[in-house]
C-alpha atoms as a PDB file:
ATOM      1  CA  UNK A   1       0.000   0.000   0.000  1.00  0.00           C
ATOM      2  CA  UNK A   2       1.320   3.452  -0.942  1.00  0.00           C
ATOM      3  CA  UNK A   3       0.859   6.187   1.638  1.00  0.00           C
ATOM      4  CA  UNK A   4       1.324   9.802   0.505  1.00  0.00           C
ATOM      5  CA  UNK A   5       2.158  12.388   3.173  1.00  0.00           C
ATOM      6  CA  UNK A   6       2.056  16.072   2.203  1.00  0.00           C
ATOM      7  CA  UNK A   7       2.680  19.131   4.328  1.00  0.00           C
ATOM      8  CA  UNK A   8       3.566  22.822   4.323  1.00  0.00           C
ATOM      9  CA  UNK A   9       6.087  24.359   6.747  1.00  0.00           C
ATOM     10  CA  UNK A  10       5.811  22.566  10.112  1.00  0.00           C
ATOM     11  CA  UNK A  11       3.372  20.135   8.472  1.00  0.00           C
ATOM     12  CA  UNK A  12       6.077  19.248   5.951  1.00  0.00           C
ATOM     13  CA  UNK A  13       8.511  18.484   8.757  1.00  0.00           C
ATOM     14  CA  UNK A  14       5.873  16.399  10.572  1.00  0.00           C
ATOM     15  CA  UNK A  15       5.175  14.472   7.339  1.00  0.00           C
ATOM     16  CA  UNK A  16       8.867  13.578   7.074  1.00  0.00           C
ATOM     17  CA  UNK A  17       9.068  12.534  10.730  1.00  0.00           C
ATOM     18  CA  UNK A  18       5.907  10.437  10.368  1.00  0.00           C
ATOM     19  CA  UNK A  19       7.475   8.737   7.348  1.00  0.00           C
ATOM     20  CA  UNK A  20      10.328   7.567   9.567  1.00  0.00           C
ATOM     21  CA  UNK A  21       7.827   5.715  11.758  1.00  0.00           C
ATOM     22  CA  UNK A  22       5.623   4.410   8.943  1.00  0.00           C
ATOM     23  CA  UNK A  23       8.398   3.258   6.603  1.00  0.00           C
ATOM     24  CA  UNK A  24       8.403  -0.518   6.493  1.00  0.00           C
ATOM     25  CA  UNK A  25       4.686  -0.900   7.175  1.00  0.00           C
ATOM     26  CA  UNK A  26       3.829   1.219   4.128  1.00  0.00           C
ATOM     27  CA  UNK A  27       5.418   2.364   0.896  1.00  0.00           C
ATOM     28  CA  UNK A  28       5.663   5.995   2.061  1.00  0.00           C
ATOM     29  CA  UNK A  29       6.044   8.984  -0.272  1.00  0.00           C
ATOM     30  CA  UNK A  30       6.486  12.500   1.127  1.00  0.00           C
ATOM     31  CA  UNK A  31       6.102  15.886  -0.536  1.00  0.00           C
ATOM     32  CA  UNK A  32       6.925  18.819   1.691  1.00  0.00           C
ATOM     33  CA  UNK A  33       6.790  22.520   0.970  1.00  0.00           C
ATOM     34  CA  UNK A  34       8.870  25.045   2.940  1.00  0.00           C
ATOM     35  CA  UNK A  35       9.712  22.557   5.684  1.00  0.00           C
ATOM     36  CA  UNK A  36      12.406  23.273   8.262  1.00  0.00           C
ATOM     37  CA  UNK A  37      15.265  20.828   8.784  1.00  0.00           C
ATOM     38  CA  UNK A  38      14.257  17.755  10.749  1.00  0.00           C
ATOM     39  CA  UNK A  39      17.161  16.033  12.454  1.00  0.00           C
ATOM     40  CA  UNK A  40      20.748  14.978  12.846  1.00  0.00           C
ATOM     41  CA  UNK A  41      22.812  13.842   9.867  1.00  0.00           C
ATOM     42  CA  UNK A  42      22.588  10.133  10.767  1.00  0.00           C
ATOM     43  CA  UNK A  43      18.803  10.265  11.126  1.00  0.00           C
ATOM     44  CA  UNK A  44      18.363  12.070   7.804  1.00  0.00           C
ATOM     45  CA  UNK A  45      20.722   9.638   6.066  1.00  0.00           C
ATOM     46  CA  UNK A  46      18.581   6.692   7.222  1.00  0.00           C
ATOM     47  CA  UNK A  47      15.422   8.548   6.208  1.00  0.00           C
ATOM     48  CA  UNK A  48      16.765   8.939   2.671  1.00  0.00           C
ATOM     49  CA  UNK A  49      15.474   5.392   2.055  1.00  0.00           C
ATOM     50  CA  UNK A  50      12.004   6.980   1.928  1.00  0.00           C
ATOM     51  CA  UNK A  51      10.855   8.848  -1.210  1.00  0.00           C
ATOM     52  CA  UNK A  52      10.951  12.437   0.088  1.00  0.00           C
ATOM     53  CA  UNK A  53      10.694  15.492  -2.110  1.00  0.00           C
ATOM     54  CA  UNK A  54      11.215  18.911  -0.552  1.00  0.00           C
ATOM     55  CA  UNK A  55       9.986  21.893  -2.570  1.00  0.00           C
ATOM     56  CA  UNK A  56      11.717  25.088  -1.446  1.00  0.00           C
ATOM     57  CA  UNK A  57      11.493  28.635  -2.749  1.00  0.00           C
ATOM     58  CA  UNK A  58      14.943  29.945  -3.574  1.00  0.00           C
ATOM     59  CA  UNK A  59      15.980  32.317  -0.802  1.00  0.00           C
ATOM     60  CA  UNK A  60      13.315  31.130   1.660  1.00  0.00           C
ATOM     61  CA  UNK A  61      14.348  31.311   5.310  1.00  0.00           C
ATOM     62  CA  UNK A  62      12.355  28.488   6.958  1.00  0.00           C
ATOM     63  CA  UNK A  63      14.037  25.611   5.035  1.00  0.00           C
ATOM     64  CA  UNK A  64      17.395  26.832   6.420  1.00  0.00           C
ATOM     65  CA  UNK A  65      16.274  26.513  10.054  1.00  0.00           C
ATOM     66  CA  UNK A  66      17.497  25.344  12.495  1.00  0.00           C
ATOM     67  CA  UNK A  67      21.019  26.146  11.319  1.00  0.00           C
ATOM     68  CA  UNK A  68      23.722  23.565  10.672  1.00  0.00           C
ATOM     69  CA  UNK A  69      25.584  21.637  12.017  1.00  0.00           C
ATOM     70  CA  UNK A  70      22.934  20.270  14.394  1.00  0.00           C
ATOM     71  CA  UNK A  71      20.096  19.773  11.877  1.00  0.00           C
ATOM     72  CA  UNK A  72      19.863  18.519   8.306  1.00  0.00           C
ATOM     73  CA  UNK A  73      17.237  17.909   5.649  1.00  0.00           C
ATOM     74  CA  UNK A  74      16.236  14.551   4.220  1.00  0.00           C
ATOM     75  CA  UNK A  75      15.273  13.661   0.678  1.00  0.00           C
ATOM     76  CA  UNK A  76      15.621  15.488  -2.605  1.00  0.00           C
ATOM     77  CA  UNK A  77      15.270  19.270  -2.822  1.00  0.00           C
ATOM     78  CA  UNK A  78      13.468  20.867  -5.747  1.00  0.00           C
ATOM     79  CA  UNK A  79      14.227  24.595  -5.862  1.00  0.00           C
ATOM     80  CA  UNK A  80      11.325  26.786  -6.958  1.00  0.00           C
ATOM     81  CA  UNK A  81      11.299  30.336  -8.266  1.00  0.00           C
ATOM     82  CA  UNK A  82      14.048  32.644  -9.401  1.00  0.00           C
ATOM     83  CA  UNK A  83      17.044  33.756  -7.394  1.00  0.00           C
ATOM     84  CA  UNK A  84      16.943  37.445  -6.555  1.00  0.00           C
ATOM     85  CA  UNK A  85      19.831  38.862  -4.480  1.00  0.00           C
ATOM     86  CA  UNK A  86      18.823  39.702  -0.883  1.00  0.00           C
ATOM     87  CA  UNK A  87      15.169  38.804  -1.542  1.00  0.00           C
ATOM     88  CA  UNK A  88      13.279  36.732   1.015  1.00  0.00           C
ATOM     89  CA  UNK A  89      10.102  35.236  -0.472  1.00  0.00           C
ATOM     90  CA  UNK A  90       6.917  35.196   1.578  1.00  0.00           C
ATOM     91  CA  UNK A  91       6.386  32.101   3.697  1.00  0.00           C
ATOM     92  CA  UNK A  92       2.868  31.367   2.463  1.00  0.00           C
ATOM     93  CA  UNK A  93       1.142  28.543   0.636  1.00  0.00           C
ATOM     94  CA  UNK A  94       0.137  31.086  -2.016  1.00  0.00           C
ATOM     95  CA  UNK A  95       3.792  31.955  -2.707  1.00  0.00           C
ATOM     96  CA  UNK A  96       4.536  28.269  -3.298  1.00  0.00           C
ATOM     97  CA  UNK A  97       1.389  27.793  -5.379  1.00  0.00           C
ATOM     98  CA  UNK A  98       2.438  30.698  -7.612  1.00  0.00           C
ATOM     99  CA  UNK A  99       5.963  29.306  -8.018  1.00  0.00           C
ATOM    100  CA  UNK A 100       4.613  25.868  -8.956  1.00  0.00           C
ATOM    101  CA  UNK A 101       2.358  27.372 -11.623  1.00  0.00           C
ATOM    102  CA  UNK A 102       5.280  29.001 -13.460  1.00  0.00           C
END
């Protein structure tokens, strides 16, 4: 059985953490938008066995938190939008929706 987990911001982080628990019982697939980092390097390396896609707006702040070296991200990152020097995109679902439509 395939189980799809999707979340935005904190919900994206929770979806990834839930995948760690559900992996093995289900074929888990995760899509997260604007999620913060979720754990230590070893934990994220083990979680890379799960199909995780992280969509992140270029220049967004939340996906960079908490700062390294304590926390890392799991899965594959898909950058969205265009890079603009010193720009910080809005942290809203609408900002991500607009970037996905381009």
